[in-house]
Amino acid sequence: MPETMTIDEKLAISNKACALYNAGDKEGYSRLTRTIPMPPYLAKIFKEKVGVEPLLKAGYNLSEAEAEFGHNWLNT
């Protein structure tokens, strides 16, 4: 099972991402924020409304959704 990211780790990444955004690096901001696990409920909604392929292509960290819904949740 994937290791869960702590709130402190999420906040540290968020702070670094905000610094990138404020420095004008919107691509770096976007890339870094996608390393923060997407909340499972949002991942489920994204999957249902947009589809699996776009969800995977977007590059979000889905580790918390996998931990909550199981390893094959995208295939069900």
C-alpha atoms as a PDB file:
ATOM      1  CA  MET A   1       0.000   0.000   0.000  1.00  0.00           C
ATOM      2  CA  PRO A   2       1.326   3.500  -0.815  1.00  0.00           C
ATOM      3  CA  GLU A   3       2.682   5.565   2.034  1.00  0.00           C
ATOM      4  CA  THR A   4       0.396   8.405   3.111  1.00  0.00           C
ATOM      5  CA  MET A   5       1.734  11.950   2.974  1.00  0.00           C
ATOM      6  CA  THR A   6       1.463  13.883   6.234  1.00  0.00           C
ATOM      7  CA  ILE A   7      -0.285  17.238   6.445  1.00  0.00           C
ATOM      8  CA  ASP A   8       3.090  18.851   7.186  1.00  0.00           C
ATOM      9  CA  GLU A   9       4.541  17.355   3.999  1.00  0.00           C
ATOM     10  CA  LYS A  10       1.547  18.575   1.999  1.00  0.00           C
ATOM     11  CA  LEU A  11       1.876  22.075   3.462  1.00  0.00           C
ATOM     12  CA  ALA A  12       5.615  22.188   2.735  1.00  0.00           C
ATOM     13  CA  ILE A  13       4.985  21.279  -0.906  1.00  0.00           C
ATOM     14  CA  SER A  14       2.164  23.790  -1.098  1.00  0.00           C
ATOM     15  CA  ASN A  15       4.392  26.547   0.270  1.00  0.00           C
ATOM     16  CA  LYS A  16       7.129  25.728  -2.259  1.00  0.00           C
ATOM     17  CA  ALA A  17       4.542  25.672  -5.039  1.00  0.00           C
ATOM     18  CA  CYS A  18       3.181  29.082  -3.986  1.00  0.00           C
ATOM     19  CA  ALA A  19       6.697  30.488  -4.047  1.00  0.00           C
ATOM     20  CA  LEU A  20       7.097  29.196  -7.608  1.00  0.00           C
ATOM     21  CA  TYR A  21       3.772  30.726  -8.617  1.00  0.00           C
ATOM     22  CA  ASN A  22       4.683  34.083  -7.059  1.00  0.00           C
ATOM     23  CA  ALA A  23       7.995  33.972  -8.925  1.00  0.00           C
ATOM     24  CA  GLY A  24       6.077  33.546 -12.189  1.00  0.00           C
ATOM     25  CA  ASP A  25       6.793  29.831 -12.657  1.00  0.00           C
ATOM     26  CA  LYS A  26       3.255  28.602 -13.247  1.00  0.00           C
ATOM     27  CA  GLU A  27       4.463  25.400 -14.905  1.00  0.00           C
ATOM     28  CA  GLY A  28       6.613  24.559 -11.875  1.00  0.00           C
ATOM     29  CA  TYR A  29       3.691  25.404  -9.614  1.00  0.00           C
ATOM     30  CA  SER A  30       1.376  23.077 -11.510  1.00  0.00           C
ATOM     31  CA  ARG A  31       3.926  20.261 -11.619  1.00  0.00           C
ATOM     32  CA  LEU A  32       4.649  20.515  -7.891  1.00  0.00           C
ATOM     33  CA  THR A  33       1.030  20.759  -6.753  1.00  0.00           C
ATOM     34  CA  ARG A  34       0.221  17.549  -8.636  1.00  0.00           C
ATOM     35  CA  THR A  35       2.610  15.701  -6.316  1.00  0.00           C
ATOM     36  CA  ILE A  36       0.235  16.355  -3.418  1.00  0.00           C
ATOM     37  CA  PRO A  37      -2.219  13.436  -3.270  1.00  0.00           C
ATOM     38  CA  MET A  38      -5.623  14.235  -4.700  1.00  0.00           C
ATOM     39  CA  PRO A  39      -8.307  13.666  -2.051  1.00  0.00           C
ATOM     40  CA  PRO A  40     -10.055  10.352  -2.755  1.00  0.00           C
ATOM     41  CA  TYR A  41     -13.504  11.915  -3.105  1.00  0.00           C
ATOM     42  CA  LEU A  42     -12.204  14.301  -5.795  1.00  0.00           C
ATOM     43  CA  ALA A  43     -10.417  11.486  -7.621  1.00  0.00           C
ATOM     44  CA  LYS A  44     -13.641   9.479  -7.643  1.00  0.00           C
ATOM     45  CA  ILE A  45     -15.635  12.421  -9.021  1.00  0.00           C
ATOM     46  CA  PHE A  46     -12.955  13.169 -11.644  1.00  0.00           C
ATOM     47  CA  LYS A  47     -13.001   9.501 -12.723  1.00  0.00           C
ATOM     48  CA  GLU A  48     -16.805   9.432 -12.964  1.00  0.00           C
ATOM     49  CA  LYS A  49     -17.263  12.790 -14.714  1.00  0.00           C
ATOM     50  CA  VAL A  50     -14.174  13.041 -16.954  1.00  0.00           C
ATOM     51  CA  GLY A  51     -12.889   9.491 -17.243  1.00  0.00           C
ATOM     52  CA  VAL A  52      -9.909   7.381 -16.318  1.00  0.00           C
ATOM     53  CA  GLU A  53      -7.661   8.300 -19.250  1.00  0.00           C
ATOM     54  CA  PRO A  54      -7.789  12.083 -18.669  1.00  0.00           C
ATOM     55  CA  LEU A  55      -7.276  11.511 -14.943  1.00  0.00           C
ATOM     56  CA  LEU A  56      -4.130   9.491 -15.572  1.00  0.00           C
ATOM     57  CA  LYS A  57      -2.893  11.840 -18.300  1.00  0.00           C
ATOM     58  CA  ALA A  58      -3.206  14.828 -15.944  1.00  0.00           C
ATOM     59  CA  GLY A  59      -0.517  13.311 -13.735  1.00  0.00           C
ATOM     60  CA  TYR A  60      -2.162  13.727 -10.365  1.00  0.00           C
ATOM     61  CA  ASN A  61      -0.881  11.811  -7.352  1.00  0.00           C
ATOM     62  CA  LEU A  62      -3.611   9.232  -6.767  1.00  0.00           C
ATOM     63  CA  SER A  63      -1.975   7.412  -3.855  1.00  0.00           C
ATOM     64  CA  GLU A  64      -4.656   8.310  -1.297  1.00  0.00           C
ATOM     65  CA  ALA A  65      -7.453   7.211  -3.641  1.00  0.00           C
ATOM     66  CA  GLU A  66      -5.614   3.937  -4.215  1.00  0.00           C
ATOM     67  CA  ALA A  67      -5.213   3.463  -0.462  1.00  0.00           C
ATOM     68  CA  GLU A  68      -8.923   4.102   0.123  1.00  0.00           C
ATOM     69  CA  PHE A  69     -10.477   2.373  -2.899  1.00  0.00           C
ATOM     70  CA  GLY A  70      -7.929  -0.376  -3.576  1.00  0.00           C
ATOM     71  CA  HIS A  71      -5.230  -1.004  -6.148  1.00  0.00           C
ATOM     72  CA  ASN A  72      -7.619  -1.615  -9.077  1.00  0.00           C
ATOM     73  CA  TRP A  73     -10.071   1.205  -8.359  1.00  0.00           C
ATOM     74  CA  LEU A  74      -9.481   2.826 -11.744  1.00  0.00           C
ATOM     75  CA  ASN A  75     -10.473  -0.397 -13.530  1.00  0.00           C
ATOM     76  CA  THR A  76     -13.799  -0.842 -11.760  1.00  0.00           C
END
